[in-house]
Structure formats: C-alpha cells, structure tokens
Amino acid sequence: MSRYIPQIKKHATRLRLSSIGSNIAQLLEQAEQDHPSYDELIYNLFSHEVKEREAKQMVIRMKLAKLPVMHDLDQYDFSFAAGLSPTQLNQLRELNWLDQCYNIMLSGPSGTGKTFISAGLGYDAIQRGYKTYFRNISDILSTLRLKELTPSASKEFKRLSEAHLVIIDDVMTLPLNKEDGNRFFVFINQIYETTSFIITTNKSPAEWARSLDDETLATALLDRLLYKCQLVMLEGDSFRMQNRKTIF
C-alpha cells in the first residue's frame, strides 16, 4: 500500500470527499492497471466522488418523496383504462410541462390508475433531479394545520413550498371543512406560480364546490390550478377489483 494513502484519506475527509477517501486504495489500484494520464486520473477520482454523491442524493430524494411502491410507468397497462394514450403518456414523461410550470389533473373513478400515473411521473421527475413530493390530501392538510406548532410540520411545509413538483392524491375525495379549504387555497395560491402540481381526484371540477361547500373558494382554487393545466379524464373499471387478491 502506498505510504501516501493514510494522508490522502485525511485530506479527503477534511475536504469532505468521503467517497474518494473511502475508496482511494481501490481507485489507485485500478489506476496502476489502466495507466491513465495525470489529467485522466484526476478526472476519474472526481467523477467517482460525483457519482457516489448523486447516488446518495437520489436515495434521499426518493425517501423524502414518499412515492407509492408501484410507480414504474414502463409497466403501465393501457388495456384497463381509457383516457390516456401511449403517445400522450410518453409526452408527459418528457417533463417539458414541468419546466414550464404546468399542472396535470388526473380525474376519474377509483382504480383507473390516477395514483399510479402520478407516482410514475413523480419518479421520472426525481430521476431528472427535480425536488418532488407525493402526498395524500390528508397529509397536506395535517402539515398546514401544524406548521406553526411543530418543527417537523414546519420543515415539511418548507420542503413543499420549495418543491419543483408536488403531487397531491385524492383531492376532494372527502369534503373539506371551511378552515381546511381556506388553508389549502392559501397553500396553492402561495406557490402555484413557481411549483407544478399533479392532482388526482375522483370529482369533476364542477363537483369541487360541493366538496368545499363554498363555490367562491372552489372557483378561486380551480382558477389557479387549471390556469396552466392538462386535464386527463380516465375511464374504466377498477384495476384493483379486476386483480383482487384473496387469502386462498
């Protein structure tokens, strides 16, 4: 072993180059076999550090995103629901809409793939480096209620407010009381110009007023979400019911 390796590890630790420090012996051994030029060796060392950091960041982003287990759009079955063609899905997966701060609203009966599609687009966004979070509407409302009261809710609210993409699942599935409706509107109004949303709902926009019990608030909320938005209406039988699992 090179006598310089212990000192290289110390310097790497001081410079916070943890991956180089941890793997310097193997990296130098590989260099002895490949005989790279000096500039190529330096490039390989820093490339190794960058790749390891990106891998660690990906793990963190995925953990914070809280995507459902099923989120691979390559496995999406177009045969059980209508409303989104392969061409349209591929276009959405290009994420040009995200760069332009557009929203997507996925509407349709339960089990038609709304959550799966939204989670899959979220996964694609994370892979491209976008700060993305998947939350049920109840999670969002809990955060909004507690953001001034608990550090964890405050930190979560800050994350959501600085996101590139926020996916909100099951919006208006259950009626919202006036206080929660107002909180939700304030949240959307605060970030809709800088953040994209994917909304999944089994209610049509016209039914939102009944769920909120406030036509004016529903109109104002939809005005912000639908201003730059692709509305996707899904139709079909429930995938879960067609693929129901039993104990036996």
Protein backbone atom coordinates (compact mmCIF):
# COMPACT_ATOMS: atom_id res chain seq x y z
CA MET A 1 0.00 0.00 0.00
CA SER A 2 1.24 3.49 -0.86
CA ARG A 3 2.58 5.39 2.12
CA TYR A 4 0.55 8.38 0.96
CA ILE A 5 -2.83 6.70 1.29
CA PRO A 6 -3.39 7.49 5.02
CA GLN A 7 -2.59 11.17 4.35
CA ILE A 8 -4.81 11.22 1.27
CA LYS A 9 -7.68 9.86 3.40
CA LYS A 10 -7.13 12.62 5.96
CA HIS A 11 -7.15 15.30 3.29
CA ALA A 12 -10.24 13.77 1.67
CA THR A 13 -12.04 13.79 5.00
CA ARG A 14 -11.07 17.42 5.60
CA LEU A 15 -12.32 18.36 2.13
CA ARG A 16 -15.46 16.24 2.60
CA LEU A 17 -14.57 13.98 -0.31
CA SER A 18 -15.84 10.95 1.56
CA SER A 19 -16.10 8.58 -1.38
CA ILE A 20 -12.57 9.25 -2.58
CA GLY A 21 -11.29 8.81 0.97
CA SER A 22 -13.12 5.54 1.48
CA ASN A 23 -12.12 4.05 -1.87
CA ILE A 24 -8.70 5.57 -2.58
CA ALA A 25 -6.84 2.25 -2.29
CA GLN A 26 -9.07 0.56 -4.87
CA LEU A 27 -9.02 3.63 -7.14
CA LEU A 28 -5.22 3.75 -7.13
CA GLU A 29 -5.02 0.01 -7.69
CA GLN A 30 -7.25 0.39 -10.75
CA ALA A 31 -5.08 3.27 -11.96
CA GLU A 32 -1.98 1.09 -11.72
CA GLN A 33 -3.67 -1.40 -14.05
CA ASP A 34 -5.08 1.14 -16.53
CA HIS A 35 -2.09 3.54 -16.64
CA PRO A 36 -4.19 6.71 -17.13
CA SER A 37 -2.63 10.10 -17.81
CA TYR A 38 -2.41 12.52 -14.89
CA ASP A 39 -5.42 14.53 -16.03
CA GLU A 40 -7.43 11.34 -16.66
CA LEU A 41 -6.60 10.08 -13.17
CA ILE A 42 -7.78 13.34 -11.60
CA TYR A 43 -10.92 13.22 -13.73
CA ASN A 44 -11.65 9.62 -12.66
CA LEU A 45 -11.21 10.48 -8.98
CA PHE A 46 -13.61 13.41 -9.09
CA SER A 47 -16.06 11.52 -11.32
CA HIS A 48 -16.18 8.75 -8.74
CA GLU A 49 -16.95 11.27 -5.98
CA VAL A 50 -19.66 12.96 -8.04
CA LYS A 51 -21.35 9.66 -8.96
CA GLU A 52 -21.38 8.49 -5.35
CA ARG A 53 -22.83 11.80 -4.16
CA GLU A 54 -25.51 11.70 -6.83
CA ALA A 55 -26.42 8.15 -5.82
CA LYS A 56 -26.73 9.20 -2.17
CA GLN A 57 -28.81 12.24 -3.13
CA MET A 58 -31.11 10.01 -5.16
CA VAL A 59 -31.71 7.79 -2.12
CA ILE A 60 -32.53 10.87 -0.02
CA ARG A 61 -34.84 12.34 -2.67
CA MET A 62 -36.70 9.06 -3.01
CA LYS A 63 -37.10 8.75 0.76
CA LEU A 64 -38.46 12.29 1.09
CA ALA A 65 -40.75 11.90 -1.91
CA LYS A 66 -42.69 9.04 -0.27
CA LEU A 67 -43.82 7.54 -3.56
CA PRO A 68 -46.15 4.53 -3.51
CA VAL A 69 -44.44 1.19 -4.04
CA MET A 70 -45.85 0.89 -7.56
CA HIS A 71 -44.51 3.74 -9.69
CA ASP A 72 -42.84 2.26 -12.78
CA LEU A 73 -44.66 3.68 -15.81
CA ASP A 74 -42.88 1.20 -18.07
CA GLN A 75 -45.30 -1.33 -16.55
CA TYR A 76 -48.44 0.76 -17.17
CA ASP A 77 -51.27 -1.32 -18.67
CA PHE A 78 -53.25 0.73 -21.20
CA SER A 79 -55.85 -2.01 -21.65
CA PHE A 80 -57.81 -1.50 -18.43
CA ALA A 81 -58.48 2.25 -18.58
CA ALA A 82 -59.20 4.75 -21.34
CA GLY A 83 -58.30 8.41 -21.48
CA LEU A 84 -54.52 8.37 -21.90
CA SER A 85 -52.79 7.01 -24.98
CA PRO A 86 -49.20 5.69 -25.07
CA THR A 87 -48.20 8.73 -27.12
CA GLN A 88 -49.71 11.11 -24.59
CA LEU A 89 -48.08 9.33 -21.65
CA ASN A 90 -44.70 9.42 -23.37
CA GLN A 91 -45.17 13.13 -23.98
CA LEU A 92 -45.94 13.68 -20.30
CA ARG A 93 -42.86 11.64 -19.34
CA GLU A 94 -40.66 14.05 -21.27
CA LEU A 95 -41.47 16.56 -18.46
CA ASN A 96 -41.48 19.63 -20.71
CA TRP A 97 -44.63 20.69 -18.88
CA LEU A 98 -42.70 20.68 -15.61
CA ASP A 99 -40.08 23.08 -16.97
CA GLN A 100 -42.94 25.39 -17.97
CA CYS A 101 -44.64 25.12 -14.57
CA TYR A 102 -47.75 23.43 -15.94
CA ASN A 103 -50.06 21.30 -13.82
CA ILE A 104 -51.71 17.95 -14.50
CA MET A 105 -55.10 16.96 -13.14
CA LEU A 106 -55.94 13.25 -13.31
CA SER A 107 -59.66 12.72 -12.85
CA GLY A 108 -61.73 9.54 -12.88
CA PRO A 109 -63.25 6.74 -10.81
CA SER A 110 -61.26 4.88 -8.19
CA GLY A 111 -58.92 2.24 -9.54
CA THR A 112 -58.37 3.73 -13.01
CA GLY A 113 -54.66 4.41 -12.48
CA LYS A 114 -54.59 8.02 -11.29
CA THR A 115 -52.25 7.38 -8.36
CA PHE A 116 -50.02 5.05 -10.39
CA ILE A 117 -49.61 7.57 -13.22
CA SER A 118 -48.96 10.48 -10.88
CA ALA A 119 -46.40 8.50 -8.86
CA GLY A 120 -44.72 7.34 -12.06
CA LEU A 121 -44.37 10.89 -13.34
CA GLY A 122 -43.02 11.86 -9.93
CA TYR A 123 -40.43 9.10 -10.15
CA ASP A 124 -39.37 10.30 -13.59
CA ALA A 125 -39.02 13.83 -12.19
CA ILE A 126 -36.86 12.63 -9.30
CA GLN A 127 -34.61 10.77 -11.74
CA ARG A 128 -34.10 14.08 -13.58
CA GLY A 129 -33.15 15.89 -10.38
CA TYR A 130 -36.41 17.72 -9.62
CA LYS A 131 -37.46 18.15 -5.99
CA THR A 132 -40.65 16.09 -5.94
CA TYR A 133 -43.03 15.11 -3.16
CA PHE A 134 -46.02 12.76 -3.20
CA ARG A 135 -48.62 13.41 -0.51
CA ASN A 136 -52.22 12.47 0.14
CA ILE A 137 -54.53 15.44 0.66
CA SER A 138 -54.86 14.45 4.33
CA ASP A 139 -51.05 14.69 4.70
CA ILE A 140 -51.09 18.17 3.16
CA LEU A 141 -53.88 19.36 5.43
CA SER A 142 -52.15 17.95 8.51
CA THR A 143 -48.98 19.85 7.59
CA LEU A 144 -50.93 23.07 7.04
CA ARG A 145 -52.66 22.76 10.41
CA LEU A 146 -49.44 22.08 12.35
CA LYS A 147 -46.80 24.10 10.50
CA GLU A 148 -46.80 26.82 13.15
CA LEU A 149 -46.90 24.33 16.02
CA THR A 150 -44.34 21.57 15.41
CA PRO A 151 -40.80 21.60 13.95
CA SER A 152 -41.49 18.55 11.78
CA ALA A 153 -44.54 20.13 10.14
CA SER A 154 -42.65 23.39 9.70
CA LYS A 155 -39.80 21.57 7.93
CA GLU A 156 -42.27 19.65 5.78
CA PHE A 157 -44.07 22.87 4.81
CA LYS A 158 -40.75 24.43 3.81
CA ARG A 159 -39.93 21.41 1.64
CA LEU A 160 -43.30 21.56 -0.11
CA SER A 161 -43.03 25.32 -0.61
CA GLU A 162 -39.65 24.95 -2.33
CA ALA A 163 -40.58 21.93 -4.46
CA HIS A 164 -40.48 21.73 -8.23
CA LEU A 165 -43.39 19.27 -8.21
CA VAL A 166 -45.99 18.47 -5.56
CA ILE A 167 -48.28 15.50 -6.20
CA ILE A 168 -51.49 15.64 -4.18
CA ASP A 169 -53.50 12.42 -4.17
CA ASP A 170 -57.26 12.01 -3.58
CA VAL A 171 -58.16 15.70 -3.60
CA MET A 172 -61.85 16.26 -2.75
CA THR A 173 -62.48 12.55 -2.19
CA LEU A 174 -63.87 13.66 1.18
CA PRO A 175 -65.49 17.04 1.86
CA LEU A 176 -63.26 19.73 3.37
CA ASN A 177 -64.45 21.99 6.15
CA LYS A 178 -64.14 25.73 5.63
CA GLU A 179 -60.93 26.09 7.66
CA ASP A 180 -59.13 23.33 5.79
CA GLY A 181 -60.45 24.63 2.48
CA ASN A 182 -59.04 28.07 3.22
CA ARG A 183 -55.69 26.60 4.31
CA PHE A 184 -55.47 24.57 1.12
CA PHE A 185 -56.27 27.61 -1.03
CA VAL A 186 -53.63 29.74 0.71
CA PHE A 187 -51.04 27.00 0.16
CA ILE A 188 -51.84 26.63 -3.56
CA ASN A 189 -52.00 30.40 -4.02
CA GLN A 190 -48.60 30.82 -2.39
CA ILE A 191 -46.64 28.54 -4.73
CA TYR A 192 -48.67 27.86 -7.89
CA GLU A 193 -46.60 30.28 -9.98
CA THR A 194 -43.30 28.53 -9.17
CA THR A 195 -44.36 24.93 -8.48
CA SER A 196 -46.10 22.36 -10.66
CA PHE A 197 -48.85 20.17 -9.26
CA ILE A 198 -50.22 16.79 -10.17
CA ILE A 199 -53.70 16.48 -8.71
CA THR A 200 -55.61 13.20 -8.58
CA THR A 201 -59.32 13.36 -7.90
CA ASN A 202 -62.47 11.34 -8.43
CA LYS A 203 -64.53 14.53 -8.58
CA SER A 204 -65.05 16.70 -11.63
CA PRO A 205 -64.14 20.39 -11.25
CA ALA A 206 -67.86 21.19 -11.09
CA GLU A 207 -68.20 18.92 -8.02
CA TRP A 208 -65.42 20.68 -6.10
CA ALA A 209 -67.80 23.41 -4.95
CA ARG A 210 -69.98 20.81 -3.21
CA SER A 211 -66.95 19.19 -1.57
CA LEU A 212 -65.76 22.56 -0.29
CA ASP A 213 -69.30 23.83 0.41
CA ASP A 214 -68.07 27.14 -0.94
CA GLU A 215 -68.48 27.94 -4.63
CA THR A 216 -66.37 31.09 -4.46
CA LEU A 217 -63.44 29.29 -2.83
CA ALA A 218 -63.71 26.35 -5.25
CA THR A 219 -63.70 28.73 -8.21
CA ALA A 220 -60.64 30.58 -6.91
CA LEU A 221 -58.81 27.32 -6.23
CA LEU A 222 -59.59 25.84 -9.64
CA ASP A 223 -58.69 29.13 -11.30
CA ARG A 224 -55.11 28.74 -10.08
CA LEU A 225 -54.78 25.01 -10.69
CA LEU A 226 -56.39 24.98 -14.15
CA TYR A 227 -54.79 28.18 -15.48
CA LYS A 228 -51.88 26.18 -16.95
CA CYS A 229 -53.07 22.60 -16.74
CA GLN A 230 -53.58 19.41 -18.70
CA LEU A 231 -56.79 17.70 -17.60
CA VAL A 232 -56.74 13.92 -18.13
CA MET A 233 -60.07 12.14 -17.76
CA LEU A 234 -59.63 8.40 -17.08
CA GLU A 235 -62.44 5.91 -17.57
CA GLY A 236 -62.74 2.19 -16.91
CA ASP A 237 -63.26 -0.46 -14.27
CA SER A 238 -61.16 -0.59 -11.13
CA PHE A 239 -57.79 -2.27 -11.70
CA ARG A 240 -57.75 -3.33 -8.03
CA MET A 241 -61.12 -5.03 -8.30
CA GLN A 242 -60.13 -6.78 -11.54
CA ASN A 243 -56.94 -8.03 -9.86
CA ARG A 244 -58.39 -8.65 -6.41
CA LYS A 245 -56.22 -10.76 -4.10
CA THR A 246 -57.64 -13.42 -1.78
CA ILE A 247 -56.21 -15.37 1.14
CA PHE A 248 -56.77 -18.69 -0.62
